[in-house]
Amino acid sequence: IQAFIKYGYIVSMSLFRPEGMLWPAFIYKLSGESMIIYFYLQAILSSVAIFASAFFLRRLLGWPWVLLFTWLLSRYVGLFQGTFLTELASFPFALLSLALFMQGWAEQRRSSLLFGVAMLALAFEMRPAVFLFAPFIFLLFGWSSGSTNRYKWRAVLISMVIYIATVFCNRMVIGMMEHATAGVSNTY
């Protein structure tokens, strides 16, 4: 984090998961380079993400599921508070994606669903082990769209294009920040 903040480039040690390092660096810089404020901001972001997702879950499934959902996610994120692990960096993006998927599903808003795909791509970029989940999101997007098969496949392709464009743009930004001697990012 320090190399990026002070010198503006990513060193080879951070290239294993550069997105997971850039988000904490951004939050750390916002905090005025104070670790205590950084951890408070990260906790606030995680809490807001949990409650935003819980709000839409309540509309779809009701209060008992919201209480269980909130309790489980609070316990999960608590395991990573006070660390710089990529789980904590991707957590708000993944929950924002979930909230957008639930909003899009409940209100039949395709823009929310597509923005949810973009947020999910960013979350997957930060914590790459779960990117294998992406094909199921594309199929869910197609299944929930329209009544004809032609329209469903079009929706799947649009969500795939949004996902790939997000990953491509993210890779371009990371490529611009890599130091010449750092090598190539090896997230995948």
N, C-alpha and C. Protein backbone atom coordinates (compact mmCIF):
# COMPACT_ATOMS: atom_id res chain seq x y z
N ILE A 1 0.83 -1.19 0.00
CA ILE A 1 0.00 0.00 0.00
C ILE A 1 0.87 1.25 0.00
N GLN A 2 1.93 1.23 0.79
CA GLN A 2 2.79 2.41 0.90
C GLN A 2 3.45 2.76 -0.44
N ALA A 3 3.90 1.74 -1.20
CA ALA A 3 4.55 2.01 -2.49
C ALA A 3 3.58 2.70 -3.45
N PHE A 4 2.32 2.27 -3.41
CA PHE A 4 1.33 2.88 -4.30
C PHE A 4 1.03 4.31 -3.87
N ILE A 5 0.85 4.53 -2.57
CA ILE A 5 0.50 5.87 -2.09
C ILE A 5 1.67 6.84 -2.29
N LYS A 6 2.89 6.42 -1.95
CA LYS A 6 4.03 7.33 -2.02
C LYS A 6 4.58 7.51 -3.43
N TYR A 7 4.63 6.41 -4.21
CA TYR A 7 5.31 6.48 -5.51
C TYR A 7 4.37 6.33 -6.70
N GLY A 8 3.13 5.89 -6.47
CA GLY A 8 2.16 5.81 -7.54
C GLY A 8 2.25 4.59 -8.43
N TYR A 9 2.90 3.53 -7.97
CA TYR A 9 2.93 2.30 -8.77
C TYR A 9 2.79 1.08 -7.88
N ILE A 10 2.47 -0.03 -8.51
CA ILE A 10 2.27 -1.29 -7.81
C ILE A 10 3.56 -2.10 -7.92
N VAL A 11 4.04 -2.58 -6.81
CA VAL A 11 5.25 -3.40 -6.81
C VAL A 11 4.88 -4.86 -7.00
N SER A 12 5.87 -5.69 -7.34
CA SER A 12 5.60 -7.07 -7.72
C SER A 12 4.92 -7.87 -6.62
N MET A 13 5.22 -7.59 -5.36
CA MET A 13 4.60 -8.33 -4.28
C MET A 13 3.08 -8.13 -4.25
N SER A 14 2.63 -6.97 -4.67
CA SER A 14 1.20 -6.66 -4.65
C SER A 14 0.48 -7.09 -5.91
N LEU A 15 1.18 -7.60 -6.90
CA LEU A 15 0.53 -7.95 -8.16
C LEU A 15 -0.23 -9.27 -8.10
N PHE A 16 -0.11 -9.98 -7.01
CA PHE A 16 -0.87 -11.23 -6.93
C PHE A 16 -2.36 -10.94 -7.00
N ARG A 17 -2.81 -9.93 -6.26
CA ARG A 17 -4.19 -9.46 -6.33
C ARG A 17 -4.17 -7.94 -6.24
N PRO A 18 -3.87 -7.26 -7.34
CA PRO A 18 -3.69 -5.80 -7.28
C PRO A 18 -4.96 -5.05 -6.89
N GLU A 19 -6.12 -5.51 -7.33
CA GLU A 19 -7.35 -4.80 -6.99
C GLU A 19 -7.62 -4.88 -5.50
N GLY A 20 -7.29 -6.01 -4.91
CA GLY A 20 -7.47 -6.16 -3.47
C GLY A 20 -6.54 -5.27 -2.67
N MET A 21 -5.48 -4.78 -3.30
CA MET A 21 -4.56 -3.87 -2.64
C MET A 21 -4.95 -2.41 -2.91
N LEU A 22 -5.46 -2.13 -4.09
CA LEU A 22 -5.78 -0.75 -4.45
C LEU A 22 -6.96 -0.19 -3.65
N TRP A 23 -7.95 -1.01 -3.38
CA TRP A 23 -9.09 -0.54 -2.61
C TRP A 23 -8.68 -0.14 -1.19
N PRO A 24 -7.95 -1.00 -0.45
CA PRO A 24 -7.48 -0.54 0.86
C PRO A 24 -6.57 0.69 0.77
N ALA A 25 -5.76 0.79 -0.28
CA ALA A 25 -4.90 1.97 -0.44
C ALA A 25 -5.75 3.23 -0.62
N PHE A 26 -6.83 3.12 -1.37
CA PHE A 26 -7.73 4.24 -1.57
C PHE A 26 -8.39 4.66 -0.26
N ILE A 27 -8.89 3.69 0.50
CA ILE A 27 -9.53 3.98 1.78
C ILE A 27 -8.51 4.54 2.77
N TYR A 28 -7.31 3.99 2.75
CA TYR A 28 -6.25 4.46 3.64
C TYR A 28 -5.89 5.92 3.33
N LYS A 29 -5.83 6.26 2.05
CA LYS A 29 -5.54 7.63 1.66
C LYS A 29 -6.69 8.57 2.08
N LEU A 30 -7.93 8.11 1.92
CA LEU A 30 -9.08 8.90 2.37
C LEU A 30 -9.05 9.16 3.87
N SER A 31 -8.50 8.22 4.61
CA SER A 31 -8.47 8.36 6.07
C SER A 31 -7.37 9.29 6.55
N GLY A 32 -6.62 9.88 5.64
CA GLY A 32 -5.50 10.72 6.02
C GLY A 32 -4.31 9.91 6.48
N GLU A 33 -4.22 8.69 5.98
CA GLU A 33 -3.15 7.74 6.31
C GLU A 33 -3.12 7.42 7.80
N SER A 34 -4.30 7.34 8.38
CA SER A 34 -4.46 6.94 9.78
C SER A 34 -5.05 5.53 9.81
N MET A 35 -4.35 4.60 10.44
CA MET A 35 -4.82 3.21 10.47
C MET A 35 -6.13 3.09 11.25
N ILE A 36 -6.29 3.82 12.32
CA ILE A 36 -7.51 3.74 13.12
C ILE A 36 -8.71 4.21 12.29
N ILE A 37 -8.57 5.35 11.63
CA ILE A 37 -9.66 5.85 10.80
C ILE A 37 -9.90 4.91 9.62
N TYR A 38 -8.83 4.34 9.06
CA TYR A 38 -8.98 3.37 7.97
C TYR A 38 -9.87 2.21 8.41
N PHE A 39 -9.58 1.63 9.58
CA PHE A 39 -10.36 0.48 10.04
C PHE A 39 -11.80 0.87 10.36
N TYR A 40 -12.01 2.09 10.88
CA TYR A 40 -13.37 2.56 11.09
C TYR A 40 -14.11 2.71 9.77
N LEU A 41 -13.47 3.31 8.78
CA LEU A 41 -14.11 3.47 7.47
C LEU A 41 -14.45 2.13 6.84
N GLN A 42 -13.53 1.19 6.96
CA GLN A 42 -13.77 -0.14 6.39
C GLN A 42 -14.95 -0.82 7.11
N ALA A 43 -15.04 -0.67 8.42
CA ALA A 43 -16.16 -1.24 9.17
C ALA A 43 -17.48 -0.57 8.78
N ILE A 44 -17.44 0.74 8.59
CA ILE A 44 -18.66 1.47 8.19
C ILE A 44 -19.10 1.02 6.80
N LEU A 45 -18.16 0.90 5.87
CA LEU A 45 -18.51 0.44 4.51
C LEU A 45 -19.12 -0.96 4.54
N SER A 46 -18.53 -1.85 5.32
CA SER A 46 -19.06 -3.21 5.42
C SER A 46 -20.45 -3.20 6.03
N SER A 47 -20.67 -2.39 7.06
CA SER A 47 -21.98 -2.31 7.71
C SER A 47 -23.04 -1.75 6.77
N VAL A 48 -22.69 -0.70 6.05
CA VAL A 48 -23.63 -0.12 5.08
C VAL A 48 -23.98 -1.14 4.00
N ALA A 49 -22.99 -1.88 3.54
CA ALA A 49 -23.24 -2.90 2.50
C ALA A 49 -24.17 -3.99 3.03
N ILE A 50 -23.97 -4.41 4.27
CA ILE A 50 -24.84 -5.44 4.86
C ILE A 50 -26.27 -4.94 4.95
N PHE A 51 -26.45 -3.73 5.46
CA PHE A 51 -27.80 -3.23 5.66
C PHE A 51 -28.49 -2.83 4.35
N ALA A 52 -27.73 -2.40 3.36
CA ALA A 52 -28.34 -2.13 2.04
C ALA A 52 -28.86 -3.42 1.42
N SER A 53 -28.09 -4.48 1.53
CA SER A 53 -28.54 -5.77 1.02
C SER A 53 -29.72 -6.30 1.82
N ALA A 54 -29.67 -6.11 3.13
CA ALA A 54 -30.76 -6.58 4.00
C ALA A 54 -32.06 -5.85 3.68
N PHE A 55 -31.98 -4.58 3.31
CA PHE A 55 -33.17 -3.81 2.96
C PHE A 55 -33.91 -4.46 1.79
N PHE A 56 -33.18 -4.84 0.74
CA PHE A 56 -33.83 -5.46 -0.41
C PHE A 56 -34.23 -6.90 -0.13
N LEU A 57 -33.48 -7.58 0.72
CA LEU A 57 -33.85 -8.94 1.10
C LEU A 57 -35.16 -8.94 1.88
N ARG A 58 -35.36 -7.94 2.72
CA ARG A 58 -36.62 -7.83 3.47
C ARG A 58 -37.81 -7.72 2.53
N ARG A 59 -37.64 -6.97 1.45
CA ARG A 59 -38.73 -6.82 0.49
C ARG A 59 -39.05 -8.13 -0.22
N LEU A 60 -38.05 -8.97 -0.40
CA LEU A 60 -38.27 -10.21 -1.13
C LEU A 60 -38.66 -11.38 -0.23
N LEU A 61 -38.04 -11.49 0.96
CA LEU A 61 -38.23 -12.69 1.77
C LEU A 61 -38.79 -12.45 3.16
N GLY A 62 -38.73 -11.25 3.68
CA GLY A 62 -39.28 -10.97 5.01
C GLY A 62 -38.22 -10.88 6.10
N TRP A 63 -38.70 -10.48 7.29
CA TRP A 63 -37.81 -10.19 8.41
C TRP A 63 -37.01 -11.37 8.94
N PRO A 64 -37.56 -12.58 9.06
CA PRO A 64 -36.73 -13.67 9.61
C PRO A 64 -35.45 -13.91 8.80
N TRP A 65 -35.57 -13.84 7.49
CA TRP A 65 -34.39 -14.04 6.64
C TRP A 65 -33.41 -12.87 6.75
N VAL A 66 -33.94 -11.67 6.94
CA VAL A 66 -33.08 -10.49 7.10
C VAL A 66 -32.25 -10.62 8.36
N LEU A 67 -32.87 -11.05 9.45
CA LEU A 67 -32.14 -11.20 10.71
C LEU A 67 -31.04 -12.25 10.58
N LEU A 68 -31.36 -13.38 9.96
CA LEU A 68 -30.36 -14.43 9.77
C LEU A 68 -29.25 -13.94 8.84
N PHE A 69 -29.61 -13.31 7.75
CA PHE A 69 -28.65 -12.77 6.78
C PHE A 69 -27.71 -11.76 7.44
N THR A 70 -28.28 -10.82 8.18
CA THR A 70 -27.47 -9.79 8.84
C THR A 70 -26.54 -10.39 9.88
N TRP A 71 -27.05 -11.32 10.66
CA TRP A 71 -26.23 -11.96 11.69
C TRP A 71 -25.07 -12.73 11.05
N LEU A 72 -25.37 -13.54 10.02
CA LEU A 72 -24.32 -14.35 9.38
C LEU A 72 -23.24 -13.47 8.73
N LEU A 73 -23.66 -12.44 8.00
CA LEU A 73 -22.68 -11.59 7.33
C LEU A 73 -21.88 -10.75 8.31
N SER A 74 -22.51 -10.33 9.41
CA SER A 74 -21.77 -9.60 10.43
C SER A 74 -20.71 -10.48 11.07
N ARG A 75 -21.05 -11.73 11.30
CA ARG A 75 -20.08 -12.68 11.86
C ARG A 75 -18.95 -12.93 10.86
N TYR A 76 -19.31 -13.07 9.59
CA TYR A 76 -18.29 -13.33 8.55
C TYR A 76 -17.32 -12.16 8.42
N VAL A 77 -17.84 -10.96 8.28
CA VAL A 77 -16.96 -9.81 8.07
C VAL A 77 -16.15 -9.51 9.34
N GLY A 78 -16.66 -9.88 10.48
CA GLY A 78 -15.92 -9.69 11.72
C GLY A 78 -14.64 -10.50 11.76
N LEU A 79 -14.61 -11.61 11.05
CA LEU A 79 -13.39 -12.42 10.99
C LEU A 79 -12.24 -11.70 10.31
N PHE A 80 -12.55 -10.77 9.42
CA PHE A 80 -11.53 -10.11 8.61
C PHE A 80 -11.28 -8.66 8.99
N GLN A 81 -12.08 -8.11 9.92
CA GLN A 81 -11.86 -6.73 10.34
C GLN A 81 -10.48 -6.63 10.99
N GLY A 82 -9.77 -5.57 10.69
CA GLY A 82 -8.43 -5.38 11.24
C GLY A 82 -7.34 -6.03 10.41
N THR A 83 -7.69 -6.51 9.21
CA THR A 83 -6.71 -7.13 8.32
C THR A 83 -6.72 -6.42 6.98
N PHE A 84 -5.78 -6.78 6.13
CA PHE A 84 -5.73 -6.28 4.76
C PHE A 84 -6.01 -7.40 3.76
N LEU A 85 -6.73 -8.41 4.18
CA LEU A 85 -7.04 -9.52 3.29
C LEU A 85 -8.04 -9.10 2.22
N THR A 86 -8.01 -9.78 1.08
CA THR A 86 -8.86 -9.40 -0.04
C THR A 86 -10.34 -9.68 0.22
N GLU A 87 -10.64 -10.54 1.17
CA GLU A 87 -12.05 -10.79 1.49
C GLU A 87 -12.75 -9.51 1.94
N LEU A 88 -12.06 -8.75 2.76
CA LEU A 88 -12.63 -7.51 3.28
C LEU A 88 -12.74 -6.45 2.19
N ALA A 89 -11.81 -6.44 1.26
CA ALA A 89 -11.85 -5.46 0.17
C ALA A 89 -13.02 -5.73 -0.78
N SER A 90 -13.29 -7.00 -1.07
CA SER A 90 -14.34 -7.33 -2.04
C SER A 90 -15.73 -7.37 -1.42
N PHE A 91 -15.81 -7.43 -0.11
CA PHE A 91 -17.09 -7.59 0.59
C PHE A 91 -18.12 -6.52 0.23
N PRO A 92 -17.80 -5.20 0.32
CA PRO A 92 -18.82 -4.20 -0.03
C PRO A 92 -19.28 -4.27 -1.48
N PHE A 93 -18.37 -4.59 -2.40
CA PHE A 93 -18.74 -4.69 -3.81
C PHE A 93 -19.66 -5.88 -4.06
N ALA A 94 -19.37 -7.00 -3.41
CA ALA A 94 -20.21 -8.18 -3.58
C ALA A 94 -21.61 -7.94 -3.02
N LEU A 95 -21.70 -7.29 -1.87
CA LEU A 95 -23.02 -7.04 -1.29
C LEU A 95 -23.78 -5.96 -2.06
N LEU A 96 -23.07 -4.98 -2.59
CA LEU A 96 -23.73 -4.00 -3.46
C LEU A 96 -24.29 -4.71 -4.69
N SER A 97 -23.53 -5.62 -5.23
CA SER A 97 -24.01 -6.41 -6.36
C SER A 97 -25.26 -7.19 -5.99
N LEU A 98 -25.25 -7.83 -4.83
CA LEU A 98 -26.42 -8.58 -4.37
C LEU A 98 -27.62 -7.67 -4.21
N ALA A 99 -27.42 -6.49 -3.62
CA ALA A 99 -28.53 -5.54 -3.45
C ALA A 99 -29.09 -5.11 -4.80
N LEU A 100 -28.21 -4.86 -5.76
CA LEU A 100 -28.67 -4.45 -7.09
C LEU A 100 -29.40 -5.58 -7.80
N PHE A 101 -28.92 -6.82 -7.62
CA PHE A 101 -29.64 -7.96 -8.21
C PHE A 101 -31.03 -8.10 -7.61
N MET A 102 -31.14 -7.96 -6.29
CA MET A 102 -32.45 -8.08 -5.64
C MET A 102 -33.37 -6.94 -6.05
N GLN A 103 -32.84 -5.72 -6.16
CA GLN A 103 -33.65 -4.59 -6.60
C GLN A 103 -34.11 -4.80 -8.04
N GLY A 104 -33.19 -5.20 -8.89
CA GLY A 104 -33.54 -5.44 -10.29
C GLY A 104 -34.57 -6.54 -10.46
N TRP A 105 -34.45 -7.57 -9.64
CA TRP A 105 -35.39 -8.69 -9.69
C TRP A 105 -36.77 -8.24 -9.21
N ALA A 106 -36.82 -7.54 -8.08
CA ALA A 106 -38.10 -7.13 -7.50
C ALA A 106 -38.81 -6.09 -8.34
N GLU A 107 -38.06 -5.16 -8.91
CA GLU A 107 -38.67 -4.05 -9.65
C GLU A 107 -38.58 -4.22 -11.16
N GLN A 108 -38.04 -5.36 -11.61
CA GLN A 108 -37.85 -5.63 -13.04
C GLN A 108 -37.10 -4.49 -13.72
N ARG A 109 -36.01 -4.05 -13.08
CA ARG A 109 -35.16 -2.99 -13.62
C ARG A 109 -33.88 -3.61 -14.15
N ARG A 110 -33.75 -3.64 -15.46
CA ARG A 110 -32.57 -4.24 -16.07
C ARG A 110 -31.30 -3.43 -15.79
N SER A 111 -31.45 -2.12 -15.63
CA SER A 111 -30.28 -1.29 -15.35
C SER A 111 -29.66 -1.68 -14.01
N SER A 112 -30.47 -1.98 -13.02
CA SER A 112 -29.94 -2.43 -11.73
C SER A 112 -29.24 -3.77 -11.87
N LEU A 113 -29.83 -4.66 -12.65
CA LEU A 113 -29.21 -5.96 -12.86
C LEU A 113 -27.86 -5.83 -13.57
N LEU A 114 -27.79 -4.98 -14.58
CA LEU A 114 -26.53 -4.81 -15.31
C LEU A 114 -25.47 -4.12 -14.46
N PHE A 115 -25.87 -3.13 -13.67
CA PHE A 115 -24.92 -2.50 -12.76
C PHE A 115 -24.46 -3.50 -11.70
N GLY A 116 -25.36 -4.38 -11.29
CA GLY A 116 -24.99 -5.45 -10.36
C GLY A 116 -23.94 -6.38 -10.96
N VAL A 117 -24.06 -6.67 -12.25
CA VAL A 117 -23.05 -7.49 -12.93
C VAL A 117 -21.69 -6.79 -12.90
N ALA A 118 -21.67 -5.48 -13.14
CA ALA A 118 -20.40 -4.74 -13.10
C ALA A 118 -19.80 -4.74 -11.69
N MET A 119 -20.62 -4.55 -10.66
CA MET A 119 -20.11 -4.58 -9.28
C MET A 119 -19.61 -5.97 -8.92
N LEU A 120 -20.30 -6.99 -9.42
CA LEU A 120 -19.86 -8.36 -9.16
C LEU A 120 -18.52 -8.64 -9.83
N ALA A 121 -18.33 -8.09 -11.03
CA ALA A 121 -17.05 -8.26 -11.72
C ALA A 121 -15.92 -7.63 -10.90
N LEU A 122 -16.17 -6.45 -10.33
CA LEU A 122 -15.14 -5.82 -9.49
C LEU A 122 -14.87 -6.65 -8.24
N ALA A 123 -15.92 -7.17 -7.63
CA ALA A 123 -15.73 -8.02 -6.45
C ALA A 123 -14.93 -9.27 -6.82
N PHE A 124 -15.22 -9.85 -7.97
CA PHE A 124 -14.48 -11.03 -8.42
C PHE A 124 -13.03 -10.70 -8.73
N GLU A 125 -12.80 -9.50 -9.23
CA GLU A 125 -11.42 -9.09 -9.51
C GLU A 125 -10.61 -8.96 -8.22
N MET A 126 -11.27 -8.55 -7.15
CA MET A 126 -10.56 -8.41 -5.87
C MET A 126 -10.34 -9.74 -5.19
N ARG A 127 -11.28 -10.64 -5.33
CA ARG A 127 -11.19 -11.96 -4.72
C ARG A 127 -11.47 -12.98 -5.81
N PRO A 128 -10.44 -13.34 -6.59
CA PRO A 128 -10.66 -14.07 -7.83
C PRO A 128 -11.13 -15.51 -7.71
N ALA A 129 -11.03 -16.12 -6.57
CA ALA A 129 -11.42 -17.52 -6.46
C ALA A 129 -12.90 -17.74 -6.76
N VAL A 130 -13.71 -16.71 -6.56
CA VAL A 130 -15.14 -16.87 -6.75
C VAL A 130 -15.61 -16.48 -8.15
N PHE A 131 -14.70 -16.14 -9.06
CA PHE A 131 -15.16 -15.72 -10.39
C PHE A 131 -15.77 -16.87 -11.17
N LEU A 132 -15.59 -18.09 -10.71
CA LEU A 132 -16.25 -19.23 -11.36
C LEU A 132 -17.76 -19.19 -11.20
N PHE A 133 -18.24 -18.35 -10.29
CA PHE A 133 -19.66 -18.17 -10.06
C PHE A 133 -20.32 -17.34 -11.16
N ALA A 134 -19.53 -16.61 -11.94
CA ALA A 134 -20.05 -15.69 -12.95
C ALA A 134 -21.00 -16.34 -13.96
N PRO A 135 -20.71 -17.52 -14.51
CA PRO A 135 -21.66 -18.09 -15.48
C PRO A 135 -23.06 -18.29 -14.93
N PHE A 136 -23.18 -18.58 -13.65
CA PHE A 136 -24.50 -18.76 -13.06
C PHE A 136 -25.25 -17.43 -12.99
N ILE A 137 -24.51 -16.34 -12.77
CA ILE A 137 -25.13 -15.02 -12.75
C ILE A 137 -25.65 -14.68 -14.15
N PHE A 138 -24.88 -15.01 -15.18
CA PHE A 138 -25.32 -14.74 -16.55
C PHE A 138 -26.59 -15.53 -16.87
N LEU A 139 -26.61 -16.78 -16.47
CA LEU A 139 -27.79 -17.61 -16.73
C LEU A 139 -28.99 -17.12 -15.93
N LEU A 140 -28.79 -16.70 -14.69
CA LEU A 140 -29.88 -16.15 -13.89
C LEU A 140 -30.42 -14.88 -14.52
N PHE A 141 -29.52 -14.05 -15.04
CA PHE A 141 -29.94 -12.83 -15.70
C PHE A 141 -30.80 -13.16 -16.92
N GLY A 142 -30.40 -14.14 -17.69
CA GLY A 142 -31.19 -14.54 -18.85
C GLY A 142 -32.51 -15.17 -18.47
N TRP A 143 -32.50 -15.99 -17.41
CA TRP A 143 -33.71 -16.66 -16.98
C TRP A 143 -34.77 -15.67 -16.51
N SER A 144 -34.31 -14.57 -15.89
CA SER A 144 -35.26 -13.60 -15.36
C SER A 144 -35.71 -12.57 -16.39
N SER A 145 -35.19 -12.64 -17.60
CA SER A 145 -35.48 -11.62 -18.62
C SER A 145 -36.39 -12.18 -19.70
N GLY A 146 -37.52 -11.56 -19.89
CA GLY A 146 -38.38 -11.83 -21.03
C GLY A 146 -39.00 -13.21 -21.05
N SER A 147 -39.73 -13.47 -22.10
CA SER A 147 -40.44 -14.74 -22.21
C SER A 147 -39.94 -15.58 -23.38
N THR A 148 -39.31 -14.98 -24.37
CA THR A 148 -38.84 -15.75 -25.52
C THR A 148 -37.37 -16.12 -25.34
N ASN A 149 -37.01 -17.24 -25.93
CA ASN A 149 -35.63 -17.71 -25.82
C ASN A 149 -34.65 -16.73 -26.45
N ARG A 150 -35.07 -16.11 -27.56
CA ARG A 150 -34.19 -15.16 -28.23
C ARG A 150 -33.84 -13.98 -27.31
N TYR A 151 -34.83 -13.47 -26.61
CA TYR A 151 -34.59 -12.35 -25.70
C TYR A 151 -33.75 -12.78 -24.50
N LYS A 152 -33.96 -14.00 -24.03
CA LYS A 152 -33.19 -14.50 -22.89
C LYS A 152 -31.72 -14.60 -23.24
N TRP A 153 -31.41 -15.15 -24.42
CA TRP A 153 -30.00 -15.27 -24.81
C TRP A 153 -29.37 -13.90 -25.05
N ARG A 154 -30.16 -12.98 -25.53
CA ARG A 154 -29.67 -11.61 -25.70
C ARG A 154 -29.31 -11.00 -24.34
N ALA A 155 -30.14 -11.23 -23.35
CA ALA A 155 -29.87 -10.74 -21.99
C ALA A 155 -28.61 -11.38 -21.42
N VAL A 156 -28.41 -12.66 -21.66
CA VAL A 156 -27.20 -13.35 -21.20
C VAL A 156 -25.97 -12.72 -21.87
N LEU A 157 -26.04 -12.49 -23.16
CA LEU A 157 -24.91 -11.91 -23.88
C LEU A 157 -24.62 -10.47 -23.42
N ILE A 158 -25.65 -9.69 -23.16
CA ILE A 158 -25.45 -8.33 -22.68
C ILE A 158 -24.76 -8.36 -21.32
N SER A 159 -25.21 -9.24 -20.42
CA SER A 159 -24.57 -9.31 -19.10
C SER A 159 -23.13 -9.79 -19.22
N MET A 160 -22.84 -10.68 -20.15
CA MET A 160 -21.47 -11.14 -20.35
C MET A 160 -20.59 -10.00 -20.89
N VAL A 161 -21.13 -9.20 -21.80
CA VAL A 161 -20.38 -8.07 -22.34
C VAL A 161 -20.08 -7.06 -21.24
N ILE A 162 -21.07 -6.77 -20.39
CA ILE A 162 -20.85 -5.84 -19.27
C ILE A 162 -19.76 -6.39 -18.36
N TYR A 163 -19.82 -7.65 -18.05
CA TYR A 163 -18.82 -8.28 -17.17
C TYR A 163 -17.42 -8.20 -17.78
N ILE A 164 -17.31 -8.60 -19.04
CA ILE A 164 -16.00 -8.62 -19.71
C ILE A 164 -15.47 -7.20 -19.87
N ALA A 165 -16.33 -6.24 -20.19
CA ALA A 165 -15.89 -4.84 -20.31
C ALA A 165 -15.38 -4.30 -18.98
N THR A 166 -16.05 -4.66 -17.89
CA THR A 166 -15.59 -4.22 -16.57
C THR A 166 -14.23 -4.81 -16.26
N VAL A 167 -14.06 -6.10 -16.51
CA VAL A 167 -12.77 -6.75 -16.26
C VAL A 167 -11.69 -6.13 -17.16
N PHE A 168 -12.01 -5.88 -18.42
CA PHE A 168 -11.04 -5.30 -19.35
C PHE A 168 -10.61 -3.91 -18.90
N CYS A 169 -11.57 -3.06 -18.55
CA CYS A 169 -11.24 -1.71 -18.07
C CYS A 169 -10.41 -1.78 -16.80
N ASN A 170 -10.75 -2.69 -15.92
CA ASN A 170 -10.00 -2.86 -14.69
C ASN A 170 -8.56 -3.28 -14.99
N ARG A 171 -8.40 -4.19 -15.93
CA ARG A 171 -7.05 -4.65 -16.32
C ARG A 171 -6.25 -3.52 -16.94
N MET A 172 -6.90 -2.65 -17.72
CA MET A 172 -6.18 -1.52 -18.32
C MET A 172 -5.67 -0.57 -17.23
N VAL A 173 -6.51 -0.29 -16.25
CA VAL A 173 -6.09 0.60 -15.17
C VAL A 173 -4.94 -0.02 -14.38
N ILE A 174 -5.03 -1.30 -14.08
CA ILE A 174 -3.96 -1.98 -13.34
C ILE A 174 -2.69 -1.96 -14.18
N GLY A 175 -2.79 -2.20 -15.46
CA GLY A 175 -1.62 -2.17 -16.34
C GLY A 175 -0.93 -0.82 -16.35
N MET A 176 -1.71 0.26 -16.26
CA MET A 176 -1.11 1.60 -16.24
C MET A 176 -0.37 1.86 -14.93
N MET A 177 -0.76 1.17 -13.87
CA MET A 177 -0.15 1.42 -12.56
C MET A 177 1.02 0.50 -12.24
N GLU A 178 1.20 -0.54 -13.02
CA GLU A 178 2.30 -1.46 -12.74
C GLU A 178 3.64 -0.79 -13.00
N HIS A 179 4.55 -1.03 -12.13
CA HIS A 179 5.91 -0.53 -12.30
C HIS A 179 6.58 -1.36 -13.39
N ALA A 180 7.44 -0.77 -14.16
CA ALA A 180 8.07 -1.47 -15.30
C ALA A 180 8.81 -2.73 -14.89
N THR A 181 9.35 -2.78 -13.70
CA THR A 181 10.10 -3.96 -13.27
C THR A 181 9.26 -4.96 -12.51
N ALA A 182 7.96 -4.68 -12.36
CA ALA A 182 7.12 -5.51 -11.51
C ALA A 182 6.68 -6.80 -12.18
N GLY A 183 6.60 -6.83 -13.49
CA GLY A 183 6.12 -8.01 -14.16
C GLY A 183 4.65 -7.90 -14.45
N VAL A 184 4.06 -9.00 -14.83
CA VAL A 184 2.65 -9.01 -15.23
C VAL A 184 1.82 -9.47 -14.06
N SER A 185 0.63 -8.88 -13.93
CA SER A 185 -0.29 -9.26 -12.88
C SER A 185 -0.66 -10.73 -13.03
N ASN A 186 -0.63 -11.47 -11.95
CA ASN A 186 -0.91 -12.91 -12.03
C ASN A 186 -2.15 -13.27 -11.24
N THR A 187 -3.19 -12.43 -11.31
CA THR A 187 -4.42 -12.73 -10.59
C THR A 187 -5.03 -14.03 -11.10
N TYR A 188 -4.99 -14.28 -12.41
CA TYR A 188 -5.61 -15.48 -12.94
C TYR A 188 -4.56 -16.45 -13.36
